[in-house]
Amino acid sequence: MNQIEQAKASLRATKPRSQRRAVLERKLVHLMVKQLRLENRKEKSRPTASRTN
């Protein structure tokens, strides 16, 4: 989670519409997707979660 926070902080520090910012945004999105996938996997591993769906 702190990786995402750090990425957001560095995004705020960079100028809007700069090349570096675009790269950082892509990295941030990638981190968030990774985090979501991990959370989804944890949910699926629990037998109760699959039963409620």
C-alpha atoms as a PDB file:
ATOM      1  CA  MET A   1       0.000   0.000   0.000  1.00  0.00           C
ATOM      2  CA  ASN A   2       2.833   2.407   0.790  1.00  0.00           C
ATOM      3  CA  GLN A   3       4.163   1.916  -2.758  1.00  0.00           C
ATOM      4  CA  ILE A   4       0.936   3.366  -4.121  1.00  0.00           C
ATOM      5  CA  GLU A   5       1.126   6.293  -1.678  1.00  0.00           C
ATOM      6  CA  GLN A   6       4.711   7.013  -2.739  1.00  0.00           C
ATOM      7  CA  ALA A   7       3.732   6.909  -6.400  1.00  0.00           C
ATOM      8  CA  LYS A   8       0.891   9.359  -5.764  1.00  0.00           C
ATOM      9  CA  ALA A   9       3.239  11.714  -3.910  1.00  0.00           C
ATOM     10  CA  SER A  10       5.770  11.692  -6.745  1.00  0.00           C
ATOM     11  CA  LEU A  11       2.942  12.312  -9.214  1.00  0.00           C
ATOM     12  CA  ARG A  12       1.900  15.434  -7.328  1.00  0.00           C
ATOM     13  CA  ALA A  13       5.497  16.669  -7.371  1.00  0.00           C
ATOM     14  CA  THR A  14       5.847  16.420 -11.162  1.00  0.00           C
ATOM     15  CA  LYS A  15       4.574  18.958 -13.658  1.00  0.00           C
ATOM     16  CA  PRO A  16       1.269  18.156 -15.368  1.00  0.00           C
ATOM     17  CA  ARG A  17       1.488  16.834 -18.919  1.00  0.00           C
ATOM     18  CA  SER A  18       5.187  15.986 -18.676  1.00  0.00           C
ATOM     19  CA  GLN A  19       6.695  12.798 -20.053  1.00  0.00           C
ATOM     20  CA  ARG A  20       7.881  11.748 -16.618  1.00  0.00           C
ATOM     21  CA  ARG A  21       4.397  12.207 -15.185  1.00  0.00           C
ATOM     22  CA  ALA A  22       2.894   9.971 -17.868  1.00  0.00           C
ATOM     23  CA  VAL A  23       5.362   7.232 -16.984  1.00  0.00           C
ATOM     24  CA  LEU A  24       4.631   7.629 -13.268  1.00  0.00           C
ATOM     25  CA  GLU A  25       0.889   7.475 -13.895  1.00  0.00           C
ATOM     26  CA  ARG A  26       1.287   4.230 -15.802  1.00  0.00           C
ATOM     27  CA  LYS A  27       3.370   2.817 -12.966  1.00  0.00           C
ATOM     28  CA  LEU A  28       0.786   3.899 -10.397  1.00  0.00           C
ATOM     29  CA  VAL A  29      -2.062   2.275 -12.324  1.00  0.00           C
ATOM     30  CA  HIS A  30      -0.020  -0.904 -12.608  1.00  0.00           C
ATOM     31  CA  LEU A  31       0.570  -0.943  -8.839  1.00  0.00           C
ATOM     32  CA  MET A  32      -3.109  -0.404  -8.104  1.00  0.00           C
ATOM     33  CA  VAL A  33      -4.151  -3.203 -10.450  1.00  0.00           C
ATOM     34  CA  LYS A  34      -1.608  -5.497  -8.810  1.00  0.00           C
ATOM     35  CA  GLN A  35      -3.016  -4.619  -5.382  1.00  0.00           C
ATOM     36  CA  LEU A  36      -6.586  -5.285  -6.532  1.00  0.00           C
ATOM     37  CA  ARG A  37      -5.623  -8.645  -8.027  1.00  0.00           C
ATOM     38  CA  LEU A  38      -4.016  -9.663  -4.733  1.00  0.00           C
ATOM     39  CA  GLU A  39      -7.144  -8.689  -2.814  1.00  0.00           C
ATOM     40  CA  ASN A  40      -9.372 -10.566  -5.255  1.00  0.00           C
ATOM     41  CA  ARG A  41      -7.242 -13.666  -4.905  1.00  0.00           C
ATOM     42  CA  LYS A  42      -7.562 -13.502  -1.127  1.00  0.00           C
ATOM     43  CA  GLU A  43     -11.341 -13.207  -1.424  1.00  0.00           C
ATOM     44  CA  LYS A  44     -11.550 -16.184  -3.778  1.00  0.00           C
ATOM     45  CA  SER A  45      -9.412 -18.366  -1.529  1.00  0.00           C
ATOM     46  CA  ARG A  46     -12.016 -18.002   1.240  1.00  0.00           C
ATOM     47  CA  PRO A  47     -14.759 -20.626   0.845  1.00  0.00           C
ATOM     48  CA  THR A  48     -17.453 -18.357   2.331  1.00  0.00           C
ATOM     49  CA  ALA A  49     -16.886 -15.667  -0.298  1.00  0.00           C
ATOM     50  CA  SER A  50     -17.537 -18.050  -3.183  1.00  0.00           C
ATOM     51  CA  ARG A  51     -20.713 -19.336  -1.548  1.00  0.00           C
ATOM     52  CA  THR A  52     -22.257 -15.883  -1.097  1.00  0.00           C
ATOM     53  CA  ASN A  53     -21.808 -14.993  -4.776  1.00  0.00           C
END
